[in-house]
Protein backbone atom coordinates (compact mmCIF):
# COMPACT_ATOMS: atom_id res chain seq x y z
CA UNK A 1 -74.15 -30.42 -44.19
CA UNK A 2 -75.66 -28.71 -41.14
CA UNK A 3 -76.58 -25.04 -41.48
CA UNK A 4 -73.64 -22.82 -40.62
CA UNK A 5 -74.06 -19.86 -38.31
CA UNK A 6 -72.33 -16.50 -38.66
CA UNK A 7 -72.22 -13.55 -36.29
CA UNK A 8 -71.62 -10.14 -37.89
CA UNK A 9 -70.80 -7.07 -35.82
CA UNK A 10 -71.63 -3.83 -37.61
CA UNK A 11 -74.36 -5.58 -39.61
CA UNK A 12 -76.31 -2.36 -40.17
CA UNK A 13 -73.38 -0.72 -41.95
CA UNK A 14 -72.31 -0.88 -45.57
CA UNK A 15 -70.06 -3.94 -45.31
CA UNK A 16 -72.24 -5.74 -42.80
CA UNK A 17 -75.32 -5.50 -44.96
CA UNK A 18 -73.56 -6.79 -48.09
CA UNK A 19 -71.94 -9.60 -46.11
CA UNK A 20 -75.27 -10.60 -44.57
CA UNK A 21 -76.84 -10.81 -48.03
CA UNK A 22 -73.95 -12.90 -49.31
CA UNK A 23 -73.98 -15.33 -46.38
CA UNK A 24 -77.74 -15.79 -46.61
CA UNK A 25 -77.20 -16.72 -50.25
CA UNK A 26 -74.65 -19.30 -49.10
CA UNK A 27 -77.21 -20.89 -46.78
CA UNK A 28 -75.94 -19.46 -43.49
CA UNK A 29 -78.03 -18.60 -40.45
CA UNK A 30 -77.03 -14.98 -39.85
CA UNK A 31 -76.91 -13.17 -36.51
CA UNK A 32 -76.10 -9.49 -36.30
CA UNK A 33 -74.78 -7.51 -33.34
CA UNK A 34 -76.47 -4.12 -33.20
CA UNK A 35 -76.11 -1.32 -30.67
CA UNK A 36 -79.17 -0.12 -28.81
CA UNK A 37 -80.16 3.32 -30.05
CA UNK A 38 -83.12 5.59 -29.39
CA UNK A 39 -83.74 5.58 -33.12
CA UNK A 40 -82.81 2.42 -35.00
CA UNK A 41 -81.23 2.81 -38.44
CA UNK A 42 -81.81 -0.39 -40.38
CA UNK A 43 -82.01 1.08 -43.89
CA UNK A 44 -79.22 -1.11 -45.26
CA UNK A 45 -80.77 -4.34 -43.96
CA UNK A 46 -84.47 -3.50 -44.10
CA UNK A 47 -84.98 -5.93 -46.99
CA UNK A 48 -83.48 -8.87 -45.05
CA UNK A 49 -84.62 -8.13 -41.48
CA UNK A 50 -87.00 -11.08 -41.58
CA UNK A 51 -84.14 -13.42 -42.53
CA UNK A 52 -81.60 -12.52 -39.82
CA UNK A 53 -81.58 -12.36 -36.03
CA UNK A 54 -80.36 -9.19 -34.35
CA UNK A 55 -78.68 -9.33 -30.95
CA UNK A 56 -78.22 -6.19 -28.87
CA UNK A 57 -74.58 -5.60 -28.06
CA UNK A 58 -71.67 -3.18 -28.15
CA UNK A 59 -67.92 -3.59 -28.59
CA UNK A 60 -67.51 -1.35 -25.54
CA UNK A 61 -69.43 -3.81 -23.33
CA UNK A 62 -67.83 -7.21 -22.71
CA UNK A 63 -70.88 -8.79 -21.09
CA UNK A 64 -72.99 -8.14 -24.19
CA UNK A 65 -70.36 -9.81 -26.37
CA UNK A 66 -70.31 -12.95 -24.21
CA UNK A 67 -74.10 -13.09 -24.40
CA UNK A 68 -73.99 -12.68 -28.18
CA UNK A 69 -71.51 -15.54 -28.54
CA UNK A 70 -73.61 -17.79 -26.32
CA UNK A 71 -76.79 -16.95 -28.22
CA UNK A 72 -75.39 -17.33 -31.74
CA UNK A 73 -72.88 -20.16 -31.15
CA UNK A 74 -71.27 -19.06 -34.42
CA UNK A 75 -69.04 -21.04 -36.73
CA UNK A 76 -67.77 -17.75 -38.18
CA UNK A 77 -67.44 -14.28 -36.65
CA UNK A 78 -66.97 -11.15 -38.75
CA UNK A 79 -65.95 -8.02 -36.85
CA UNK A 80 -67.00 -5.11 -39.04
CA UNK A 81 -68.05 -2.77 -36.22
CA UNK A 82 -65.98 0.34 -35.49
CA UNK A 83 -65.98 4.09 -35.17
CA UNK A 84 -64.90 4.16 -38.78
CA UNK A 85 -64.94 7.82 -39.83
CA UNK A 86 -61.34 9.04 -39.87
CA UNK A 87 -62.18 12.73 -39.34
CA UNK A 88 -64.26 11.98 -36.24
CA UNK A 89 -61.41 10.03 -34.70
CA UNK A 90 -59.54 13.27 -33.97
CA UNK A 91 -62.63 14.66 -32.28
CA UNK A 92 -63.30 11.40 -30.38
CA UNK A 93 -59.88 9.79 -29.96
CA UNK A 94 -60.60 7.94 -26.72
CA UNK A 95 -63.91 6.52 -27.90
CA UNK A 96 -62.33 5.50 -31.20
CA UNK A 97 -59.53 3.71 -29.38
CA UNK A 98 -61.95 1.98 -27.02
CA UNK A 99 -64.34 0.69 -29.69
CA UNK A 100 -62.18 0.31 -32.79
CA UNK A 101 -59.11 -0.92 -30.92
CA UNK A 102 -59.81 -2.47 -27.52
CA UNK A 103 -63.23 -3.64 -28.71
CA UNK A 104 -61.45 -6.19 -30.90
CA UNK A 105 -59.75 -7.68 -27.84
CA UNK A 106 -63.07 -7.87 -26.02
CA UNK A 107 -64.59 -9.73 -28.95
CA UNK A 108 -61.64 -12.11 -29.31
CA UNK A 109 -61.69 -12.88 -25.60
CA UNK A 110 -65.40 -13.71 -25.66
CA UNK A 111 -64.76 -15.96 -28.66
CA UNK A 112 -61.83 -17.66 -26.91
CA UNK A 113 -63.97 -18.49 -23.88
CA UNK A 114 -67.32 -19.32 -25.50
CA UNK A 115 -66.58 -20.66 -28.99
CA UNK A 116 -62.82 -21.11 -29.56
CA UNK A 117 -63.34 -23.38 -32.56
CA UNK A 118 -65.07 -20.61 -34.51
CA UNK A 119 -63.29 -18.68 -37.25
CA UNK A 120 -62.72 -14.95 -36.82
CA UNK A 121 -62.40 -12.15 -39.36
CA UNK A 122 -61.04 -8.74 -38.34
CA UNK A 123 -61.68 -5.74 -40.57
CA UNK A 124 -58.26 -4.11 -40.68
CA UNK A 125 -57.72 -1.03 -42.82
CA UNK A 126 -55.35 0.39 -45.40
CA UNK A 127 -55.28 3.52 -43.21
CA UNK A 128 -52.84 1.57 -41.02
CA UNK A 129 -50.18 2.09 -43.71
CA UNK A 130 -50.61 5.86 -43.51
CA UNK A 131 -47.33 7.53 -44.41
CA UNK A 132 -45.67 4.29 -45.51
CA UNK A 133 -42.55 4.67 -47.63
CA UNK A 134 -43.59 1.65 -49.70
CA UNK A 135 -46.07 1.91 -52.54
CA UNK A 136 -47.94 -0.19 -53.41
CA UNK A 137 -48.55 -1.69 -49.98
CA UNK A 138 -48.73 -5.42 -49.26
CA UNK A 139 -49.05 -7.73 -46.24
CA UNK A 140 -45.41 -7.10 -45.21
CA UNK A 141 -45.44 -3.30 -45.54
CA UNK A 142 -44.71 -1.62 -42.17
CA UNK A 143 -47.54 0.41 -40.65
CA UNK A 144 -47.30 4.17 -40.11
CA UNK A 145 -50.78 5.23 -38.92
CA UNK A 146 -51.70 8.91 -39.26
CA UNK A 147 -54.94 9.23 -37.30
CA UNK A 148 -56.46 7.96 -34.03
CA UNK A 149 -58.64 5.70 -36.19
CA UNK A 150 -55.62 4.18 -37.92
CA UNK A 151 -53.79 3.74 -34.60
CA UNK A 152 -56.84 1.93 -33.19
CA UNK A 153 -57.00 -0.30 -36.27
CA UNK A 154 -53.33 -1.23 -35.81
CA UNK A 155 -54.12 -2.24 -32.22
CA UNK A 156 -57.05 -4.38 -33.35
CA UNK A 157 -54.95 -5.93 -36.12
CA UNK A 158 -52.11 -6.97 -33.80
CA UNK A 159 -54.57 -8.17 -31.16
CA UNK A 160 -56.00 -10.53 -33.75
CA UNK A 161 -52.54 -11.78 -34.72
CA UNK A 162 -51.66 -12.18 -31.04
CA UNK A 163 -54.74 -14.29 -30.28
CA UNK A 164 -53.99 -16.43 -33.32
CA UNK A 165 -50.41 -17.03 -32.26
CA UNK A 166 -51.05 -17.30 -28.51
CA UNK A 167 -54.22 -19.38 -28.41
CA UNK A 168 -54.28 -21.06 -31.80
CA UNK A 169 -57.50 -19.36 -32.84
CA UNK A 170 -58.45 -19.31 -36.51
CA UNK A 171 -58.26 -15.53 -36.81
CA UNK A 172 -57.64 -13.55 -40.00
CA UNK A 173 -57.18 -9.87 -40.78
CA UNK A 174 -58.40 -8.41 -44.04
CA UNK A 175 -56.46 -5.23 -44.78
CA UNK A 176 -59.07 -3.68 -47.03
CA UNK A 177 -58.39 -0.61 -49.08
CA UNK A 178 -61.19 1.91 -49.68
CA UNK A 179 -64.38 0.14 -50.68
CA UNK A 180 -67.52 2.10 -51.44
CA UNK A 181 -71.14 1.73 -52.52
CA UNK A 182 -74.49 3.54 -52.48
CA UNK A 183 -74.80 2.28 -48.88
CA UNK A 184 -71.83 4.33 -47.69
CA UNK A 185 -72.50 6.90 -44.96
CA UNK A 186 -72.86 10.51 -46.08
CA UNK A 187 -69.78 11.53 -44.10
CA UNK A 188 -67.46 9.55 -46.40
CA UNK A 189 -66.04 11.45 -49.35
CA UNK A 190 -67.31 9.13 -52.11
CA UNK A 191 -70.92 9.29 -50.91
CA UNK A 192 -70.57 12.98 -50.06
CA UNK A 193 -69.49 13.71 -53.62
CA UNK A 194 -72.14 11.49 -55.22
CA UNK A 195 -74.89 13.01 -53.08
CA UNK A 196 -73.78 16.59 -53.74
CA UNK A 197 -73.50 16.00 -57.49
CA UNK A 198 -77.06 14.64 -57.60
CA UNK A 199 -78.36 17.62 -55.61
CA UNK A 200 -76.54 20.07 -57.87
CA UNK A 201 -77.85 18.34 -61.00
CA UNK A 202 -81.42 18.55 -59.64
CA UNK A 203 -81.03 22.21 -58.70
CA UNK A 204 -81.09 21.59 -54.94
CA UNK A 205 -77.59 22.91 -54.28
CA UNK A 206 -74.86 24.86 -56.04
CA UNK A 207 -71.60 24.01 -54.29
CA UNK A 208 -69.46 21.20 -52.92
CA UNK A 209 -66.79 22.09 -50.33
CA UNK A 210 -64.01 19.50 -50.00
CA UNK A 211 -60.63 19.09 -48.35
CA UNK A 212 -57.50 17.65 -49.98
CA UNK A 213 -58.14 17.00 -53.67
CA UNK A 214 -54.72 15.46 -54.24
CA UNK A 215 -55.06 12.48 -51.88
CA UNK A 216 -54.95 9.24 -53.86
CA UNK A 217 -56.82 6.08 -52.90
CA UNK A 218 -57.45 2.57 -54.18
CA UNK A 219 -61.26 2.50 -54.50
CA UNK A 220 -63.38 -0.62 -55.08
CA UNK A 221 -66.95 -1.85 -54.69
CA UNK A 222 -67.88 -3.06 -51.19
CA UNK A 223 -70.30 -5.69 -52.51
CA UNK A 224 -67.32 -7.57 -53.98
CA UNK A 225 -65.01 -7.13 -51.01
CA UNK A 226 -67.26 -9.09 -48.64
CA UNK A 227 -66.67 -12.17 -50.80
CA UNK A 228 -62.95 -11.84 -50.06
CA UNK A 229 -63.74 -11.70 -46.33
CA UNK A 230 -65.64 -14.97 -46.56
CA UNK A 231 -62.95 -16.67 -48.62
CA UNK A 232 -60.36 -15.87 -45.96
CA UNK A 233 -62.31 -17.96 -43.45
CA UNK A 234 -62.59 -20.87 -45.89
CA UNK A 235 -58.80 -21.36 -46.08
CA UNK A 236 -57.06 -24.32 -44.45
CA UNK A 237 -54.91 -22.00 -42.30
CA UNK A 238 -55.56 -18.48 -40.99
CA UNK A 239 -53.67 -15.72 -42.78
CA UNK A 240 -53.89 -11.98 -43.35
CA UNK A 241 -54.61 -10.52 -46.78
CA UNK A 242 -54.49 -7.14 -48.52
CA UNK A 243 -57.67 -6.52 -50.54
CA UNK A 244 -57.92 -3.81 -53.22
CA UNK A 245 -58.02 -3.14 -56.94
CA UNK A 246 -54.36 -2.31 -57.59
CA UNK A 247 -55.36 1.04 -59.11
CA UNK A 248 -55.41 4.45 -57.42
CA UNK A 249 -57.18 7.71 -58.21
CA UNK A 250 -57.17 11.14 -56.62
CA UNK A 251 -60.13 12.84 -54.97
CA UNK A 252 -59.96 15.23 -57.94
CA UNK A 253 -60.38 12.25 -60.28
CA UNK A 254 -63.40 11.15 -58.22
CA UNK A 255 -64.98 14.59 -58.44
CA UNK A 256 -64.33 14.93 -62.17
CA UNK A 257 -65.84 11.48 -62.89
CA UNK A 258 -68.93 12.19 -60.79
CA UNK A 259 -69.68 15.57 -62.38
CA UNK A 260 -68.93 14.26 -65.87
CA UNK A 261 -71.57 11.58 -65.40
CA UNK A 262 -74.24 14.32 -65.18
CA UNK A 263 -72.60 16.52 -67.85
CA UNK A 264 -71.37 19.22 -65.49
CA UNK A 265 -67.96 20.86 -65.03
CA UNK A 266 -66.77 20.16 -61.49
CA UNK A 267 -64.71 23.36 -61.36
CA UNK A 268 -67.91 25.42 -61.41
CA UNK A 269 -69.06 23.93 -58.08
CA UNK A 270 -66.15 22.56 -56.02
CA UNK A 271 -64.31 24.66 -53.45
CA UNK A 272 -61.55 23.68 -51.04
CA UNK A 273 -62.35 24.20 -47.38
CA UNK A 274 -59.77 24.02 -44.59
CA UNK A 275 -62.39 22.50 -42.28
CA UNK A 276 -62.16 19.25 -44.24
CA UNK A 277 -58.37 18.97 -44.15
CA UNK A 278 -56.89 16.27 -41.90
CA UNK A 279 -54.38 17.26 -39.19
CA UNK A 280 -52.09 14.59 -40.67
CA UNK A 281 -52.67 13.75 -44.32
CA UNK A 282 -52.24 10.37 -45.96
CA UNK A 283 -51.12 11.15 -49.52
CA UNK A 284 -51.41 7.78 -51.26
CA UNK A 285 -52.73 4.28 -50.56
CA UNK A 286 -52.42 1.62 -53.25
CA UNK A 287 -52.89 -2.13 -52.82
CA UNK A 288 -50.54 -4.86 -53.95
CA UNK A 289 -53.10 -7.68 -54.25
CA UNK A 290 -50.73 -10.39 -55.49
CA UNK A 291 -51.30 -12.64 -52.49
CA UNK A 292 -55.11 -12.41 -52.39
CA UNK A 293 -55.34 -12.92 -56.15
CA UNK A 294 -53.28 -16.09 -55.88
CA UNK A 295 -54.46 -17.60 -52.59
CA UNK A 296 -58.10 -16.46 -52.51
CA UNK A 297 -58.60 -16.39 -56.28
CA UNK A 298 -60.32 -13.06 -55.79
CA UNK A 299 -60.31 -10.31 -58.41
CA UNK A 300 -62.60 -7.26 -58.39
CA UNK A 301 -64.81 -6.69 -61.43
CA UNK A 302 -66.25 -3.22 -60.75
CA UNK A 303 -63.86 -0.54 -61.95
CA UNK A 304 -63.50 2.99 -60.63
CA UNK A 305 -65.59 4.73 -63.30
CA UNK A 306 -68.38 2.18 -62.92
CA UNK A 307 -68.36 2.60 -59.14
CA UNK A 308 -68.62 6.38 -59.33
CA UNK A 309 -71.46 6.21 -61.84
CA UNK A 310 -73.26 3.61 -59.74
CA UNK A 311 -73.14 5.88 -56.69
CA UNK A 312 -74.23 9.05 -58.50
CA UNK A 313 -77.10 7.21 -60.19
CA UNK A 314 -78.25 5.83 -56.83
CA UNK A 315 -78.31 9.35 -55.37
CA UNK A 316 -80.30 10.69 -58.32
CA UNK A 317 -82.84 7.91 -57.84
CA UNK A 318 -83.05 8.51 -54.09
CA UNK A 319 -83.73 12.20 -54.53
CA UNK A 320 -86.17 11.72 -57.41
CA UNK A 321 -88.10 9.10 -55.44
CA UNK A 322 -88.23 11.18 -52.28
CA UNK A 323 -91.43 13.14 -51.70
CA UNK A 324 -89.48 15.68 -49.65
CA UNK A 325 -85.85 15.79 -50.84
CA UNK A 326 -83.29 16.85 -48.25
CA UNK A 327 -82.71 20.57 -48.11
CA UNK A 328 -79.56 20.43 -46.03
CA UNK A 329 -76.45 21.51 -47.86
CA UNK A 330 -73.41 19.29 -47.44
């Protein structure tokens, strides 16, 4: 069998780096779309840079996407790029809509013209469900987005469905619930908590300000979720799938588990800060994974407690191995 080629947008991020590793292990030639920056941040893929080919491009620039398609000639395309921090989407609503929403259409159009026989994966999000009256949420649950990010994700989701139905493209949406890892950005609550707990344990900080402690989420390990993405594109027909663990925990549960791992009482350090409250809260997101378990034969193995401990331990090791630990307080 000839070597298969995959193009990953957002390859420098958490999901992109895990997916690149996985595809390399499957024998793929991997291309990654990366934005041009004054300072490149390749920490997540530094260990595989010599095994992949990076192509400069941006979801806000159609011409760069056409060039990327022509260069990679991919069999599979994974769109993991986005302005993905929910809080920032209120501060940058137009940019979020342009990149996270319309950027999907730009990518699909370049695929339709250059390589229409390729298979396309769109990273949809559980945030699209927002204030849904149904819980748990499945593939047929109506969307009720509660942030500019979620609205943009709904646009990208339906654009993918539209291109599938209008042009016959093999295009799938993975509606992934929260998936975390030590490679998460510091702005996300799981990494923020893990990092702060490690700093507090090492005497580098003494507080952790947070927003809504009652919000409940379905949290899993990102390294496992990329396997589900790949399996979607190996199906005979394109379909959309909800991916999650089927278990939900509150932010308070997350905090308690993280502090317990280092034998500290979270109530001595955590404060609630209005600055971290969302203008429109999403109280609970919980995945009904019946379809993905049956059709993809995918079941997560890393449980919530293990995930939290993995992330805190990684932060402790980062800080202990750093010659000059960060002094900035979260």
